[in-house]
N, C-alpha and C. Protein backbone atom coordinates (compact mmCIF):
# COMPACT_ATOMS: atom_id res chain seq x y z
N MET A 1 54.13 -71.36 -99.62
CA MET A 1 54.83 -71.29 -101.28
C MET A 1 55.87 -70.14 -100.66
N ALA A 2 57.14 -70.67 -101.13
CA ALA A 2 58.41 -69.80 -100.93
C ALA A 2 59.55 -69.06 -102.26
N THR A 3 58.94 -68.45 -102.05
CA THR A 3 60.01 -67.68 -103.21
C THR A 3 61.10 -66.12 -103.22
N ASN A 4 61.63 -66.14 -103.76
CA ASN A 4 62.67 -65.27 -104.35
C ASN A 4 62.13 -64.32 -105.13
N LEU A 5 62.81 -63.22 -103.87
CA LEU A 5 62.34 -61.58 -104.39
C LEU A 5 64.06 -61.02 -104.44
N ALA A 6 64.03 -60.17 -105.87
CA ALA A 6 65.26 -59.50 -105.71
C ALA A 6 64.38 -58.15 -105.35
N ILE A 7 64.62 -57.47 -103.26
CA ILE A 7 64.19 -56.07 -103.48
C ILE A 7 65.01 -55.32 -102.65
N ASP A 8 64.74 -54.58 -102.97
CA ASP A 8 65.63 -53.12 -102.39
C ASP A 8 65.51 -53.65 -101.22
N ASP A 9 67.40 -54.08 -100.98
CA ASP A 9 67.10 -54.04 -99.36
C ASP A 9 66.69 -52.71 -98.14
N ALA A 10 67.61 -51.86 -99.19
CA ALA A 10 66.91 -50.12 -98.10
C ALA A 10 66.07 -50.12 -98.14
N LEU A 11 65.04 -49.90 -99.03
CA LEU A 11 64.03 -49.98 -98.81
C LEU A 11 62.76 -50.50 -98.01
N LEU A 12 63.46 -52.52 -98.13
CA LEU A 12 62.87 -53.05 -97.65
C LEU A 12 62.98 -53.00 -95.47
N GLU A 13 64.36 -52.57 -95.59
CA GLU A 13 63.99 -52.11 -93.94
C GLU A 13 63.39 -50.85 -93.56
N ARG A 14 63.60 -49.98 -94.25
CA ARG A 14 62.83 -48.87 -93.80
C ARG A 14 61.58 -49.50 -93.39
N ALA A 15 60.74 -50.09 -95.02
CA ALA A 15 59.38 -49.73 -94.31
C ALA A 15 59.88 -51.04 -93.09
N ARG A 16 60.18 -51.97 -92.62
CA ARG A 16 60.43 -52.71 -91.21
C ARG A 16 60.19 -51.77 -90.43
N ARG A 17 61.71 -50.59 -91.07
CA ARG A 17 61.00 -50.24 -89.04
C ARG A 17 59.46 -48.84 -88.64
N ILE A 18 59.34 -48.31 -89.88
CA ILE A 18 58.65 -47.85 -90.27
C ILE A 18 57.39 -47.88 -89.20
N GLY A 19 56.77 -49.57 -90.13
CA GLY A 19 55.87 -50.02 -89.27
C GLY A 19 56.02 -50.92 -88.62
N LYS A 20 57.52 -50.63 -87.37
CA LYS A 20 57.80 -51.67 -86.62
C LYS A 20 57.18 -52.97 -86.09
N LEU A 21 58.20 -53.77 -87.25
CA LEU A 21 57.49 -55.29 -87.52
C LEU A 21 59.06 -55.85 -87.68
N ARG A 22 59.09 -57.36 -86.72
CA ARG A 22 60.07 -57.67 -86.68
C ARG A 22 61.15 -58.17 -87.91
N THR A 23 60.89 -58.99 -88.97
CA THR A 23 61.47 -59.84 -89.82
C THR A 23 60.88 -59.31 -91.80
N LYS A 24 61.20 -59.34 -92.54
CA LYS A 24 61.69 -59.15 -93.78
C LYS A 24 59.91 -60.07 -94.02
N LYS A 25 59.85 -60.72 -93.39
CA LYS A 25 58.33 -62.06 -93.75
C LYS A 25 57.22 -60.74 -93.88
N GLU A 26 57.52 -60.84 -92.07
CA GLU A 26 56.09 -59.46 -92.14
C GLU A 26 55.89 -58.30 -92.59
N THR A 27 57.46 -57.54 -93.21
CA THR A 27 57.44 -56.95 -93.61
C THR A 27 56.43 -56.77 -94.78
N VAL A 28 56.72 -57.54 -95.05
CA VAL A 28 55.95 -57.96 -96.57
C VAL A 28 54.35 -58.38 -96.61
N THR A 29 54.51 -58.75 -95.79
CA THR A 29 52.76 -59.43 -95.78
C THR A 29 51.78 -58.71 -95.31
N GLN A 30 52.42 -57.39 -94.65
CA GLN A 30 51.87 -56.06 -94.34
C GLN A 30 51.77 -55.22 -95.39
N ALA A 31 52.65 -54.90 -96.58
CA ALA A 31 52.96 -54.73 -97.28
C ALA A 31 51.45 -54.69 -98.48
N LEU A 32 52.07 -56.62 -98.86
CA LEU A 32 51.12 -56.42 -99.72
C LEU A 32 49.87 -56.69 -99.39
N THR A 33 49.30 -56.49 -97.88
CA THR A 33 48.57 -56.57 -97.39
C THR A 33 47.18 -54.50 -97.23
N GLU A 34 47.93 -53.82 -97.63
CA GLU A 34 47.67 -52.34 -97.26
C GLU A 34 47.61 -51.89 -98.85
N PHE A 35 48.63 -52.96 -99.93
CA PHE A 35 48.43 -52.42 -101.03
C PHE A 35 46.74 -53.81 -101.88
N ILE A 36 46.62 -54.24 -100.87
CA ILE A 36 45.03 -54.52 -101.89
C ILE A 36 44.14 -54.05 -101.28
N GLN A 37 44.28 -53.99 -100.07
CA GLN A 37 42.90 -52.66 -99.78
C GLN A 37 43.38 -52.01 -100.02
N ARG A 38 43.91 -50.85 -100.73
CA ARG A 38 44.18 -50.03 -100.69
C ARG A 38 43.52 -49.60 -103.01
N ARG A 39 43.71 -51.20 -102.92
CA ARG A 39 43.12 -50.76 -104.35
C ARG A 39 41.88 -51.32 -104.50
N ARG A 40 40.98 -52.33 -103.09
CA ARG A 40 39.68 -52.34 -103.41
C ARG A 40 39.46 -50.75 -102.56
N GLN A 41 39.71 -49.78 -102.18
CA GLN A 41 39.06 -48.46 -101.33
C GLN A 41 39.25 -47.90 -102.61
N ARG A 42 40.09 -48.17 -103.86
CA ARG A 42 39.91 -46.91 -104.79
C ARG A 42 39.25 -47.44 -105.60
N ASP A 43 38.41 -48.51 -105.55
CA ASP A 43 37.59 -49.39 -106.63
C ASP A 43 36.25 -49.38 -106.18
N ILE A 44 36.21 -48.55 -105.33
CA ILE A 44 34.67 -48.80 -105.10
C ILE A 44 34.67 -47.38 -104.39
N LEU A 45 35.14 -46.31 -104.47
CA LEU A 45 35.81 -45.07 -104.81
C LEU A 45 35.16 -44.63 -106.06
N LYS A 46 35.29 -45.50 -107.35
CA LYS A 46 35.22 -45.24 -108.51
C LYS A 46 33.66 -46.04 -109.12
N ALA A 47 33.54 -46.01 -107.41
CA ALA A 47 31.47 -47.34 -107.80
C ALA A 47 31.19 -45.91 -107.37
N LEU A 48 31.52 -45.06 -106.67
CA LEU A 48 30.67 -43.80 -106.05
C LEU A 48 29.42 -43.65 -107.03
N GLY A 49 29.24 -42.77 -106.95
CA GLY A 49 27.80 -42.22 -108.25
C GLY A 49 27.93 -43.14 -109.23
N THR A 50 27.83 -44.60 -109.88
CA THR A 50 27.71 -44.57 -110.75
C THR A 50 26.20 -45.83 -110.53
N ILE A 51 25.75 -46.29 -109.16
CA ILE A 51 24.39 -47.51 -108.74
C ILE A 51 23.44 -46.35 -108.78
N GLU A 52 22.68 -46.10 -109.47
CA GLU A 52 20.85 -45.57 -110.37
C GLU A 52 20.39 -47.00 -109.75
N PHE A 53 19.01 -45.88 -109.10
CA PHE A 53 18.84 -46.18 -108.06
C PHE A 53 17.11 -45.70 -108.51
N ARG A 54 16.05 -46.21 -107.98
CA ARG A 54 14.26 -46.36 -108.86
C ARG A 54 13.98 -45.10 -108.22
N GLU A 55 13.62 -44.96 -109.50
CA GLU A 55 13.19 -43.16 -109.43
C GLU A 55 11.63 -43.86 -108.93
N GLY A 56 11.69 -42.16 -107.96
CA GLY A 56 10.08 -42.61 -106.75
C GLY A 56 10.82 -43.29 -105.43
N TRP A 57 11.30 -44.62 -105.67
CA TRP A 57 11.90 -44.63 -104.10
C TRP A 57 12.32 -44.20 -102.90
N ASN A 58 11.60 -44.00 -101.17
CA ASN A 58 11.31 -44.15 -101.42
C ASN A 58 12.55 -44.26 -99.88
N TYR A 59 13.61 -44.41 -99.33
CA TYR A 59 14.07 -44.74 -98.44
C TYR A 59 14.30 -45.29 -97.13
N LYS A 60 13.68 -43.37 -96.55
CA LYS A 60 13.31 -43.40 -95.68
C LYS A 60 11.89 -44.11 -95.17
N LYS A 61 11.06 -44.99 -96.26
CA LYS A 61 10.15 -46.01 -95.90
C LYS A 61 10.11 -46.92 -95.63
N ASP A 62 11.33 -47.50 -96.90
CA ASP A 62 11.55 -48.62 -96.48
C ASP A 62 12.12 -48.99 -95.26
N ARG A 63 13.26 -48.21 -95.17
CA ARG A 63 13.73 -48.45 -94.19
C ARG A 63 12.97 -48.29 -92.96
N ARG A 64 11.60 -47.41 -92.90
CA ARG A 64 10.48 -47.26 -91.53
C ARG A 64 9.96 -49.14 -92.00
N ASP A 65 9.37 -49.51 -93.36
CA ASP A 65 9.22 -50.62 -93.26
C ASP A 65 9.66 -51.47 -92.58
N ARG A 66 11.36 -52.39 -92.88
CA ARG A 66 12.22 -53.09 -92.22
C ARG A 66 12.25 -53.03 -91.06
N GLU A 67 12.35 -51.72 -89.43
CA GLU A 67 12.31 -51.37 -88.74
C GLU A 67 11.20 -52.39 -88.47
N PRO A 68 11.70 -53.07 -86.78
CA PRO A 68 11.33 -54.14 -86.28
C PRO A 68 10.14 -53.13 -85.28
N CYS A 69 8.89 -53.84 -85.24
CA CYS A 69 7.67 -52.58 -84.41
C CYS A 69 8.48 -52.45 -82.90
N ARG A 70 8.17 -51.39 -82.19
CA ARG A 70 8.79 -51.75 -80.61
C ARG A 70 7.42 -51.42 -79.76
């Protein structure tokens, strides 16, 4: 999809050099990919401590029961 964007040339060039990328397209693609990854990580961190487990659940026993017999 062709898109025209007004991006600060100095900022884009700085990102390109830091990322050791060859083109503006690679730079923008990498930046968007990293942006998405960071947002997903942030959402995961927000979820920490919000999951309630069953009271009395013995995760060690459950893990042993699922392990194949040796």
